[in-house]
């Protein structure tokens, strides 16, 4: 028996990227035996770990062959994968974090499960302090008379989908006002569809940020949409992309690179507008 090992599962399959990135940040990557094929953070994970799942599907036989003692998944969308693995006798934990606070809770739970609760808490404390620093920077700009921009965050283009809760919350931290805050209460994508694209025009966003779930954002297509020519974001060239891996992952990426990119976009706009 190796007494140097930290407690908790030793052979983990991560069905989504955020738990993979988190285990690497904790220095516990040796526990990972399988990852999602969509994983790009950290980049080295793609080179080091077998890819055993997409998002809505998984190679069950391949996962079982890895003899995992834990599988980490995300959301109701992976419920069928989880059920099949559970029936095969595998321990499965499916997290369903939707808000910033729930992301922090998930991070702590995973850290505790692999015997790294203290390390996890230190990272979480630092992340919360970074978010507080961003809020303070925005408040300082507002104190000089700068207004917060209206921001439309587009998760998908056809149909238009927006309103992911953690994205909406982080946008608020970054200094922007979500054009569709009411959608943030809806966890399912089908309930966050904006059926009338002209409603986006009516809300006249100052900035459009696209993150099309892995598909390349095309600002020229956005600018060419019918009726969009008078939208402030289009007239002023304020159409930006944030890669899905940096903001649509409900884990470390969104809390670091994702919010930082949104903050830079917002601050640059505030510097140019009253």
Foldseek 3Di string as FASTA:
>chain_A
DDPVFFDAWQAEEEAAAFLCLLCVVLVNNNSYAEYAPPHPVPVCCNVPHHHAHHQQGGNLVVVVVSVTQEYEAEDPSNVVVVVVVVVVVHHYDYQYDQALVSQLVVSQVSCVNRNNNVVSVVVSVVLVVVLVVLQVVLVVLVVVVFAAFEEEEFQAVVQTFGARQHLQVLLVSLRHHYLCPVSVVDSDRVSRGDPDPCVVVVSQTLAYEYAHPQDDDDVVVVLPDPPNVPRNCNVVVRYYYDYCVQPVPSHDSNSPVVSVVSNVSRVVVRVVGD
